Amino acid sequence: MSETPDPVCPLCLRPIPPGVPQSLHHLVPKLRGGKGGPVVLLHHVCHKEIHATLTETELARDYRTPEALRAHPKLARFFAWVARRPPDFLSRTPAGHRRRR
């Protein structure tokens, strides 16, 4: 009997073992027409950073794929930083540190 490998977070590229805080991210926010649309499994810390950095409108308009999210300069720095942490790493994401335009 072979074990199935742990899923991998498409943003930080670390495994997501059972019991590690995780969440599903709607690639198009539900409030912007993404209800029932595609989702990706992420570490909870990666998911929190996305929503602390980008607005729902920015996500719907410009960041609809894991590749686009990884290309965002601030998120890219965060994902590179968190990739050096263990899969169960948790961090506080300060509320409201995203820049409003």
PDB file of N, CA and C in Angstrom:
ATOM      1  N   MET A   1       0.847  -1.172   0.000  1.00  0.00           N
ATOM      2  CA  MET A   1       0.000   0.000   0.000  1.00  0.00           C
ATOM      3  C   MET A   1       0.898   1.242   0.000  1.00  0.00           C
ATOM      4  N   SER A   2       0.668   2.158  -0.936  1.00  0.00           N
ATOM      5  CA  SER A   2       1.494   3.364  -1.009  1.00  0.00           C
ATOM      6  C   SER A   2       0.744   4.545  -0.403  1.00  0.00           C
ATOM      7  N   GLU A   3       1.504   5.354   0.314  1.00  0.00           N
ATOM      8  CA  GLU A   3       0.916   6.553   0.906  1.00  0.00           C
ATOM      9  C   GLU A   3       0.820   7.638  -0.146  1.00  0.00           C
ATOM     10  N   THR A   4      -0.256   8.393  -0.086  1.00  0.00           N
ATOM     11  CA  THR A   4      -0.350   9.531  -0.995  1.00  0.00           C
ATOM     12  C   THR A   4       0.440  10.677  -0.379  1.00  0.00           C
ATOM     13  N   PRO A   5       1.185  11.392  -1.202  1.00  0.00           N
ATOM     14  CA  PRO A   5       1.970  12.501  -0.656  1.00  0.00           C
ATOM     15  C   PRO A   5       1.059  13.625  -0.175  1.00  0.00           C
ATOM     16  N   ASP A   6       1.584  14.405   0.764  1.00  0.00           N
ATOM     17  CA  ASP A   6       0.831  15.563   1.243  1.00  0.00           C
ATOM     18  C   ASP A   6       0.645  16.541   0.089  1.00  0.00           C
ATOM     19  N   PRO A   7      -0.505  17.245   0.063  1.00  0.00           N
ATOM     20  CA  PRO A   7      -0.666  18.285  -0.958  1.00  0.00           C
ATOM     21  C   PRO A   7       0.396  19.362  -0.757  1.00  0.00           C
ATOM     22  N   VAL A   8       0.682  20.109  -1.795  1.00  0.00           N
ATOM     23  CA  VAL A   8       1.696  21.166  -1.752  1.00  0.00           C
ATOM     24  C   VAL A   8       1.007  22.505  -1.965  1.00  0.00           C
ATOM     25  N   CYS A   9       1.354  23.481  -1.129  1.00  0.00           N
ATOM     26  CA  CYS A   9       0.820  24.834  -1.282  1.00  0.00           C
ATOM     27  C   CYS A   9       1.380  25.406  -2.588  1.00  0.00           C
ATOM     28  N   PRO A  10       0.516  25.850  -3.515  1.00  0.00           N
ATOM     29  CA  PRO A  10       1.004  26.358  -4.794  1.00  0.00           C
ATOM     30  C   PRO A  10       1.687  27.723  -4.694  1.00  0.00           C
ATOM     31  N   LEU A  11       1.709  28.312  -3.512  1.00  0.00           N
ATOM     32  CA  LEU A  11       2.324  29.626  -3.345  1.00  0.00           C
ATOM     33  C   LEU A  11       3.711  29.530  -2.728  1.00  0.00           C
ATOM     34  N   CYS A  12       3.832  28.884  -1.578  1.00  0.00           N
ATOM     35  CA  CYS A  12       5.144  28.775  -0.921  1.00  0.00           C
ATOM     36  C   CYS A  12       5.848  27.469  -1.285  1.00  0.00           C
ATOM     37  N   LEU A  13       5.118  26.556  -1.918  1.00  0.00           N
ATOM     38  CA  LEU A  13       5.644  25.270  -2.397  1.00  0.00           C
ATOM     39  C   LEU A  13       6.079  24.329  -1.279  1.00  0.00           C
ATOM     40  N   ARG A  14       5.561  24.557  -0.052  1.00  0.00           N
ATOM     41  CA  ARG A  14       5.813  23.642   1.064  1.00  0.00           C
ATOM     42  C   ARG A  14       4.680  22.630   1.125  1.00  0.00           C
ATOM     43  N   PRO A  15       4.944  21.422   1.631  1.00  0.00           N
ATOM     44  CA  PRO A  15       3.859  20.457   1.807  1.00  0.00           C
ATOM     45  C   PRO A  15       2.859  20.951   2.858  1.00  0.00           C
ATOM     46  N   ILE A  16       1.642  20.458   2.751  1.00  0.00           N
ATOM     47  CA  ILE A  16       0.587  20.771   3.719  1.00  0.00           C
ATOM     48  C   ILE A  16       0.200  19.451   4.394  1.00  0.00           C
ATOM     49  N   PRO A  17       0.917  19.075   5.458  1.00  0.00           N
ATOM     50  CA  PRO A  17       0.612  17.806   6.131  1.00  0.00           C
ATOM     51  C   PRO A  17      -0.730  17.867   6.861  1.00  0.00           C
ATOM     52  N   PRO A  18      -1.309  16.707   7.161  1.00  0.00           N
ATOM     53  CA  PRO A  18      -2.551  16.690   7.929  1.00  0.00           C
ATOM     54  C   PRO A  18      -2.352  17.407   9.261  1.00  0.00           C
ATOM     55  N   GLY A  19      -3.359  18.130   9.697  1.00  0.00           N
ATOM     56  CA  GLY A  19      -3.313  18.820  10.971  1.00  0.00           C
ATOM     57  C   GLY A  19      -2.707  20.210  10.920  1.00  0.00           C
ATOM     58  N   VAL A  20      -2.098  20.573   9.803  1.00  0.00           N
ATOM     59  CA  VAL A  20      -1.529  21.917   9.656  1.00  0.00           C
ATOM     60  C   VAL A  20      -2.652  22.863   9.233  1.00  0.00           C
ATOM     61  N   PRO A  21      -2.731  24.064   9.832  1.00  0.00           N
ATOM     62  CA  PRO A  21      -3.783  25.004   9.433  1.00  0.00           C
ATOM     63  C   PRO A  21      -3.729  25.281   7.931  1.00  0.00           C
ATOM     64  N   GLN A  22      -4.866  25.082   7.290  1.00  0.00           N
ATOM     65  CA  GLN A  22      -4.968  25.223   5.847  1.00  0.00           C
ATOM     66  C   GLN A  22      -6.315  25.830   5.495  1.00  0.00           C
ATOM     67  N   SER A  23      -6.420  26.369   4.295  1.00  0.00           N
ATOM     68  CA  SER A  23      -7.701  26.915   3.864  1.00  0.00           C
ATOM     69  C   SER A  23      -7.795  26.865   2.350  1.00  0.00           C
ATOM     70  N   LEU A  24      -9.033  26.920   1.892  1.00  0.00           N
ATOM     71  CA  LEU A  24      -9.297  26.974   0.456  1.00  0.00           C
ATOM     72  C   LEU A  24      -9.419  28.427   0.033  1.00  0.00           C
ATOM     73  N   HIS A  25      -8.713  28.783  -1.018  1.00  0.00           N
ATOM     74  CA  HIS A  25      -8.751  30.146  -1.552  1.00  0.00           C
ATOM     75  C   HIS A  25      -9.500  30.126  -2.864  1.00  0.00           C
ATOM     76  N   HIS A  26     -10.549  30.942  -2.958  1.00  0.00           N
ATOM     77  CA  HIS A  26     -11.262  31.109  -4.225  1.00  0.00           C
ATOM     78  C   HIS A  26     -10.406  31.982  -5.131  1.00  0.00           C
ATOM     79  N   LEU A  27     -10.054  31.461  -6.294  1.00  0.00           N
ATOM     80  CA  LEU A  27      -9.192  32.220  -7.202  1.00  0.00           C
ATOM     81  C   LEU A  27      -9.864  33.511  -7.658  1.00  0.00           C
ATOM     82  N   VAL A  28     -11.169  33.483  -7.804  1.00  0.00           N
ATOM     83  CA  VAL A  28     -11.942  34.711  -8.002  1.00  0.00           C
ATOM     84  C   VAL A  28     -12.783  34.851  -6.737  1.00  0.00           C
ATOM     85  N   PRO A  29     -12.648  35.959  -6.014  1.00  0.00           N
ATOM     86  CA  PRO A  29     -13.400  36.103  -4.764  1.00  0.00           C
ATOM     87  C   PRO A  29     -14.904  35.881  -4.957  1.00  0.00           C
ATOM     88  N   LYS A  30     -15.503  35.236  -3.964  1.00  0.00           N
ATOM     89  CA  LYS A  30     -16.941  34.951  -4.035  1.00  0.00           C
ATOM     90  C   LYS A  30     -17.747  36.225  -4.247  1.00  0.00           C
ATOM     91  N   LEU A  31     -17.324  37.323  -3.619  1.00  0.00           N
ATOM     92  CA  LEU A  31     -18.053  38.585  -3.752  1.00  0.00           C
ATOM     93  C   LEU A  31     -17.869  39.233  -5.120  1.00  0.00           C
ATOM     94  N   ARG A  32     -16.964  38.697  -5.921  1.00  0.00           N
ATOM     95  CA  ARG A  32     -16.702  39.245  -7.254  1.00  0.00           C
ATOM     96  C   ARG A  32     -17.016  38.226  -8.347  1.00  0.00           C
ATOM     97  N   GLY A  33     -17.953  37.322  -8.054  1.00  0.00           N
ATOM     98  CA  GLY A  33     -18.416  36.365  -9.058  1.00  0.00           C
ATOM     99  C   GLY A  33     -17.769  35.002  -9.009  1.00  0.00           C
ATOM    100  N   GLY A  34     -16.980  34.723  -7.993  1.00  0.00           N
ATOM    101  CA  GLY A  34     -16.272  33.453  -7.936  1.00  0.00           C
ATOM    102  C   GLY A  34     -16.954  32.357  -7.146  1.00  0.00           C
ATOM    103  N   LYS A  35     -18.188  32.592  -6.689  1.00  0.00           N
ATOM    104  CA  LYS A  35     -18.882  31.556  -5.917  1.00  0.00           C
ATOM    105  C   LYS A  35     -19.054  30.318  -6.804  1.00  0.00           C
ATOM    106  N   GLY A  36     -18.590  29.191  -6.311  1.00  0.00           N
ATOM    107  CA  GLY A  36     -18.660  27.955  -7.079  1.00  0.00           C
ATOM    108  C   GLY A  36     -17.525  27.812  -8.080  1.00  0.00           C
ATOM    109  N   GLY A  37     -16.624  28.789  -8.119  1.00  0.00           N
ATOM    110  CA  GLY A  37     -15.497  28.745  -9.046  1.00  0.00           C
ATOM    111  C   GLY A  37     -14.338  27.942  -8.490  1.00  0.00           C
ATOM    112  N   PRO A  38     -13.217  27.951  -9.195  1.00  0.00           N
ATOM    113  CA  PRO A  38     -12.073  27.146  -8.773  1.00  0.00           C
ATOM    114  C   PRO A  38     -11.457  27.644  -7.464  1.00  0.00           C
ATOM    115  N   VAL A  39     -10.985  26.685  -6.675  1.00  0.00           N
ATOM    116  CA  VAL A  39     -10.320  26.976  -5.404  1.00  0.00           C
ATOM    117  C   VAL A  39      -8.990  26.235  -5.368  1.00  0.00           C
ATOM    118  N   VAL A  40      -8.072  26.739  -4.546  1.00  0.00           N
ATOM    119  CA  VAL A  40      -6.796  26.059  -4.317  1.00  0.00           C
ATOM    120  C   VAL A  40      -6.592  25.919  -2.814  1.00  0.00           C
ATOM    121  N   LEU A  41      -5.962  24.821  -2.420  1.00  0.00           N
ATOM    122  CA  LEU A  41      -5.653  24.569  -1.018  1.00  0.00           C
ATOM    123  C   LEU A  41      -4.332  25.250  -0.690  1.00  0.00           C
ATOM    124  N   LEU A  42      -4.338  26.062   0.380  1.00  0.00           N
ATOM    125  CA  LEU A  42      -3.161  26.832   0.787  1.00  0.00           C
ATOM    126  C   LEU A  42      -2.905  26.643   2.273  1.00  0.00           C
ATOM    127  N   HIS A  43      -1.670  26.917   2.689  1.00  0.00           N
ATOM    128  CA  HIS A  43      -1.420  27.082   4.121  1.00  0.00           C
ATOM    129  C   HIS A  43      -2.248  28.283   4.568  1.00  0.00           C
ATOM    130  N   HIS A  44      -2.762  28.221   5.763  1.00  0.00           N
ATOM    131  CA  HIS A  44      -3.579  29.323   6.264  1.00  0.00           C
ATOM    132  C   HIS A  44      -2.777  30.625   6.310  1.00  0.00           C
ATOM    133  N   VAL A  45      -1.499  30.550   6.694  1.00  0.00           N
ATOM    134  CA  VAL A  45      -0.668  31.748   6.773  1.00  0.00           C
ATOM    135  C   VAL A  45      -0.509  32.390   5.383  1.00  0.00           C
ATOM    136  N   CYS A  46      -0.392  31.589   4.342  1.00  0.00           N
ATOM    137  CA  CYS A  46      -0.281  32.118   2.969  1.00  0.00           C
ATOM    138  C   CYS A  46      -1.598  32.777   2.558  1.00  0.00           C
ATOM    139  N   HIS A  47      -2.710  32.140   2.899  1.00  0.00           N
ATOM    140  CA  HIS A  47      -4.028  32.685   2.566  1.00  0.00           C
ATOM    141  C   HIS A  47      -4.263  34.022   3.270  1.00  0.00           C
ATOM    142  N   LYS A  48      -3.897  34.086   4.552  1.00  0.00           N
ATOM    143  CA  LYS A  48      -4.073  35.337   5.293  1.00  0.00           C
ATOM    144  C   LYS A  48      -3.255  36.466   4.676  1.00  0.00           C
ATOM    145  N   GLU A  49      -2.047  36.155   4.230  1.00  0.00           N
ATOM    146  CA  GLU A  49      -1.185  37.186   3.647  1.00  0.00           C
ATOM    147  C   GLU A  49      -1.776  37.732   2.341  1.00  0.00           C
ATOM    148  N   ILE A  50      -2.376  36.872   1.548  1.00  0.00           N
ATOM    149  CA  ILE A  50      -3.022  37.322   0.302  1.00  0.00           C
ATOM    150  C   ILE A  50      -4.073  38.376   0.622  1.00  0.00           C
ATOM    151  N   HIS A  51      -4.959  38.044   1.570  1.00  0.00           N
ATOM    152  CA  HIS A  51      -6.078  38.948   1.871  1.00  0.00           C
ATOM    153  C   HIS A  51      -5.646  40.175   2.674  1.00  0.00           C
ATOM    154  N   ALA A  52      -4.503  40.112   3.331  1.00  0.00           N
ATOM    155  CA  ALA A  52      -3.981  41.296   4.020  1.00  0.00           C
ATOM    156  C   ALA A  52      -3.300  42.247   3.033  1.00  0.00           C
ATOM    157  N   THR A  53      -2.908  41.728   1.880  1.00  0.00           N
ATOM    158  CA  THR A  53      -2.151  42.518   0.906  1.00  0.00           C
ATOM    159  C   THR A  53      -3.028  43.075  -0.209  1.00  0.00           C
ATOM    160  N   LEU A  54      -3.979  42.285  -0.681  1.00  0.00           N
ATOM    161  CA  LEU A  54      -4.763  42.661  -1.862  1.00  0.00           C
ATOM    162  C   LEU A  54      -6.245  42.813  -1.540  1.00  0.00           C
ATOM    163  N   THR A  55      -6.896  43.706  -2.242  1.00  0.00           N
ATOM    164  CA  THR A  55      -8.343  43.862  -2.093  1.00  0.00           C
ATOM    165  C   THR A  55      -9.054  42.790  -2.920  1.00  0.00           C
ATOM    166  N   GLU A  56     -10.320  42.590  -2.653  1.00  0.00           N
ATOM    167  CA  GLU A  56     -11.122  41.640  -3.427  1.00  0.00           C
ATOM    168  C   GLU A  56     -11.134  42.038  -4.906  1.00  0.00           C
ATOM    169  N   THR A  57     -11.219  43.336  -5.168  1.00  0.00           N
ATOM    170  CA  THR A  57     -11.229  43.822  -6.548  1.00  0.00           C
ATOM    171  C   THR A  57      -9.907  43.510  -7.247  1.00  0.00           C
ATOM    172  N   GLU A  58      -8.786  43.752  -6.559  1.00  0.00           N
ATOM    173  CA  GLU A  58      -7.474  43.442  -7.145  1.00  0.00           C
ATOM    174  C   GLU A  58      -7.345  41.950  -7.422  1.00  0.00           C
ATOM    175  N   LEU A  59      -7.806  41.133  -6.487  1.00  0.00           N
ATOM    176  CA  LEU A  59      -7.760  39.688  -6.684  1.00  0.00           C
ATOM    177  C   LEU A  59      -8.567  39.280  -7.911  1.00  0.00           C
ATOM    178  N   ALA A  60      -9.783  39.803  -8.027  1.00  0.00           N
ATOM    179  CA  ALA A  60     -10.657  39.431  -9.148  1.00  0.00           C
ATOM    180  C   ALA A  60     -10.098  39.921 -10.482  1.00  0.00           C
ATOM    181  N   ARG A  61      -9.503  41.098 -10.473  1.00  0.00           N
ATOM    182  CA  ARG A  61      -9.055  41.718 -11.723  1.00  0.00           C
ATOM    183  C   ARG A  61      -7.697  41.187 -12.183  1.00  0.00           C
ATOM    184  N   ASP A  62      -6.737  41.082 -11.255  1.00  0.00           N
ATOM    185  CA  ASP A  62      -5.351  40.849 -11.671  1.00  0.00           C
ATOM    186  C   ASP A  62      -4.678  39.600 -11.103  1.00  0.00           C
ATOM    187  N   TYR A  63      -5.260  38.972 -10.106  1.00  0.00           N
ATOM    188  CA  TYR A  63      -4.559  37.891  -9.409  1.00  0.00           C
ATOM    189  C   TYR A  63      -5.429  36.646  -9.303  1.00  0.00           C
ATOM    190  N   ARG A  64      -5.838  36.103 -10.442  1.00  0.00           N
ATOM    191  CA  ARG A  64      -6.766  34.975 -10.508  1.00  0.00           C
ATOM    192  C   ARG A  64      -6.088  33.612 -10.571  1.00  0.00           C
ATOM    193  N   THR A  65      -4.750  33.591 -10.513  1.00  0.00           N
ATOM    194  CA  THR A  65      -4.016  32.321 -10.589  1.00  0.00           C
ATOM    195  C   THR A  65      -2.923  32.303  -9.524  1.00  0.00           C
ATOM    196  N   PRO A  66      -2.497  31.112  -9.127  1.00  0.00           N
ATOM    197  CA  PRO A  66      -1.364  31.044  -8.199  1.00  0.00           C
ATOM    198  C   PRO A  66      -0.113  31.707  -8.788  1.00  0.00           C
ATOM    199  N   GLU A  67       0.081  31.590 -10.092  1.00  0.00           N
ATOM    200  CA  GLU A  67       1.256  32.191 -10.734  1.00  0.00           C
ATOM    201  C   GLU A  67       1.224  33.713 -10.612  1.00  0.00           C
ATOM    202  N   ALA A  68       0.052  34.304 -10.820  1.00  0.00           N
ATOM    203  CA  ALA A  68      -0.081  35.761 -10.698  1.00  0.00           C
ATOM    204  C   ALA A  68       0.153  36.195  -9.251  1.00  0.00           C
ATOM    205  N   LEU A  69      -0.358  35.435  -8.296  1.00  0.00           N
ATOM    206  CA  LEU A  69      -0.134  35.769  -6.882  1.00  0.00           C
ATOM    207  C   LEU A  69       1.345  35.689  -6.537  1.00  0.00           C
ATOM    208  N   ARG A  70       2.033  34.651  -7.030  1.00  0.00           N
ATOM    209  CA  ARG A  70       3.473  34.513  -6.747  1.00  0.00           C
ATOM    210  C   ARG A  70       4.279  35.637  -7.389  1.00  0.00           C
ATOM    211  N   ALA A  71       3.769  36.238  -8.460  1.00  0.00           N
ATOM    212  CA  ALA A  71       4.483  37.301  -9.167  1.00  0.00           C
ATOM    213  C   ALA A  71       4.316  38.674  -8.502  1.00  0.00           C
ATOM    214  N   HIS A  72       3.331  38.819  -7.615  1.00  0.00           N
ATOM    215  CA  HIS A  72       3.139  40.095  -6.934  1.00  0.00           C
ATOM    216  C   HIS A  72       4.379  40.352  -6.068  1.00  0.00           C
ATOM    217  N   PRO A  73       5.023  41.532  -6.186  1.00  0.00           N
ATOM    218  CA  PRO A  73       6.297  41.759  -5.492  1.00  0.00           C
ATOM    219  C   PRO A  73       6.258  41.518  -3.981  1.00  0.00           C
ATOM    220  N   LYS A  74       5.288  42.055  -3.283  1.00  0.00           N
ATOM    221  CA  LYS A  74       5.231  41.890  -1.824  1.00  0.00           C
ATOM    222  C   LYS A  74       4.936  40.441  -1.460  1.00  0.00           C
ATOM    223  N   LEU A  75       3.990  39.824  -2.170  1.00  0.00           N
ATOM    224  CA  LEU A  75       3.666  38.428  -1.888  1.00  0.00           C
ATOM    225  C   LEU A  75       4.842  37.520  -2.218  1.00  0.00           C
ATOM    226  N   ALA A  76       5.554  37.801  -3.292  1.00  0.00           N
ATOM    227  CA  ALA A  76       6.714  36.977  -3.663  1.00  0.00           C
ATOM    228  C   ALA A  76       7.747  36.977  -2.540  1.00  0.00           C
ATOM    229  N   ARG A  77       7.995  38.141  -1.945  1.00  0.00           N
ATOM    230  CA  ARG A  77       8.943  38.217  -0.821  1.00  0.00           C
ATOM    231  C   ARG A  77       8.435  37.386   0.361  1.00  0.00           C
ATOM    232  N   PHE A  78       7.132  37.506   0.649  1.00  0.00           N
ATOM    233  CA  PHE A  78       6.568  36.742   1.762  1.00  0.00           C
ATOM    234  C   PHE A  78       6.679  35.239   1.494  1.00  0.00           C
ATOM    235  N   PHE A  79       6.296  34.790   0.291  1.00  0.00           N
ATOM    236  CA  PHE A  79       6.323  33.353  -0.008  1.00  0.00           C
ATOM    237  C   PHE A  79       7.749  32.811   0.034  1.00  0.00           C
ATOM    238  N   ALA A  80       8.725  33.606  -0.416  1.00  0.00           N
ATOM    239  CA  ALA A  80      10.127  33.171  -0.335  1.00  0.00           C
ATOM    240  C   ALA A  80      10.566  33.068   1.119  1.00  0.00           C
ATOM    241  N   TRP A  81      10.128  34.013   1.946  1.00  0.00           N
ATOM    242  CA  TRP A  81      10.474  34.005   3.364  1.00  0.00           C
ATOM    243  C   TRP A  81       9.837  32.814   4.075  1.00  0.00           C
ATOM    244  N   VAL A  82       8.533  32.616   3.867  1.00  0.00           N
ATOM    245  CA  VAL A  82       7.828  31.553   4.594  1.00  0.00           C
ATOM    246  C   VAL A  82       8.246  30.169   4.085  1.00  0.00           C
ATOM    247  N   ALA A  83       8.746  30.079   2.865  1.00  0.00           N
ATOM    248  CA  ALA A  83       9.192  28.792   2.323  1.00  0.00           C
ATOM    249  C   ALA A  83      10.338  28.213   3.140  1.00  0.00           C
ATOM    250  N   ARG A  84      11.065  29.054   3.868  1.00  0.00           N
ATOM    251  CA  ARG A  84      12.181  28.592   4.707  1.00  0.00           C
ATOM    252  C   ARG A  84      11.705  28.167   6.099  1.00  0.00           C
ATOM    253  N   ARG A  85      10.409  28.251   6.358  1.00  0.00           N
ATOM    254  CA  ARG A  85       9.844  27.866   7.659  1.00  0.00           C
ATOM    255  C   ARG A  85       9.264  26.453   7.570  1.00  0.00           C
ATOM    256  N   PRO A  86       9.075  25.790   8.713  1.00  0.00           N
ATOM    257  CA  PRO A  86       8.449  24.457   8.686  1.00  0.00           C
ATOM    258  C   PRO A  86       6.991  24.545   8.221  1.00  0.00           C
ATOM    259  N   PRO A  87       6.445  23.455   7.675  1.00  0.00           N
ATOM    260  CA  PRO A  87       5.077  23.477   7.150  1.00  0.00           C
ATOM    261  C   PRO A  87       4.012  23.905   8.160  1.00  0.00           C
ATOM    262  N   ASP A  88       4.272  23.696   9.469  1.00  0.00           N
ATOM    263  CA  ASP A  88       3.264  24.054  10.465  1.00  0.00           C
ATOM    264  C   ASP A  88       3.482  25.455  11.039  1.00  0.00           C
ATOM    265  N   PHE A  89       4.355  26.241  10.421  1.00  0.00           N
ATOM    266  CA  PHE A  89       4.645  27.593  10.892  1.00  0.00           C
ATOM    267  C   PHE A  89       3.405  28.470  10.846  1.00  0.00           C
ATOM    268  N   LEU A  90       3.176  29.207  11.929  1.00  0.00           N
ATOM    269  CA  LEU A  90       2.073  30.163  11.996  1.00  0.00           C
ATOM    270  C   LEU A  90       2.652  31.532  12.288  1.00  0.00           C
ATOM    271  N   SER A  91       2.057  32.545  11.727  1.00  0.00           N
ATOM    272  CA  SER A  91       2.523  33.905  11.937  1.00  0.00           C
ATOM    273  C   SER A  91       1.316  34.807  12.047  1.00  0.00           C
ATOM    274  N   ARG A  92       1.463  35.847  12.813  1.00  0.00           N
ATOM    275  CA  ARG A  92       0.387  36.836  12.871  1.00  0.00           C
ATOM    276  C   ARG A  92       0.521  37.757  11.679  1.00  0.00           C
ATOM    277  N   THR A  93      -0.571  37.954  10.979  1.00  0.00           N
ATOM    278  CA  THR A  93      -0.604  38.905   9.878  1.00  0.00           C
ATOM    279  C   THR A  93      -1.312  40.134  10.397  1.00  0.00           C
ATOM    280  N   PRO A  94      -0.615  41.272  10.466  1.00  0.00           N
ATOM    281  CA  PRO A  94      -1.277  42.468  10.990  1.00  0.00           C
ATOM    282  C   PRO A  94      -2.489  42.836  10.147  1.00  0.00           C
ATOM    283  N   ALA A  95      -3.563  43.129  10.820  1.00  0.00           N
ATOM    284  CA  ALA A  95      -4.792  43.523  10.120  1.00  0.00           C
ATOM    285  C   ALA A  95      -4.595  44.868   9.455  1.00  0.00           C
ATOM    286  N   GLY A  96      -5.090  44.983   8.256  1.00  0.00           N
ATOM    287  CA  GLY A  96      -5.130  46.273   7.588  1.00  0.00           C
ATOM    288  C   GLY A  96      -3.798  46.838   7.165  1.00  0.00           C
ATOM    289  N   HIS A  97      -2.802  45.991   6.868  1.00  0.00           N
ATOM    290  CA  HIS A  97      -1.561  46.581   6.402  1.00  0.00           C
ATOM    291  C   HIS A  97      -1.524  46.740   4.891  1.00  0.00           C
ATOM    292  N   ARG A  98      -2.610  46.405   4.233  1.00  0.00           N
ATOM    293  CA  ARG A  98      -2.649  46.587   2.778  1.00  0.00           C
ATOM    294  C   ARG A  98      -2.808  48.061   2.466  1.00  0.00           C
ATOM    295  N   ARG A  99      -2.222  48.483   1.389  1.00  0.00           N
ATOM    296  CA  ARG A  99      -2.325  49.886   0.971  1.00  0.00           C
ATOM    297  C   ARG A  99      -3.648  50.109   0.269  1.00  0.00           C
ATOM    298  N   ARG A 100      -4.348  51.080   0.682  1.00  0.00           N
ATOM    299  CA  ARG A 100      -5.596  51.462   0.011  1.00  0.00           C
ATOM    300  C   ARG A 100      -5.272  52.517  -1.029  1.00  0.00           C
ATOM    301  N   ARG A 101      -5.933  52.438  -2.153  1.00  0.00           N
ATOM    302  CA  ARG A 101      -5.707  53.434  -3.201  1.00  0.00           C
ATOM    303  C   ARG A 101      -6.801  54.458  -3.212  1.00  0.00           C
TER     304      ARG A 101
END
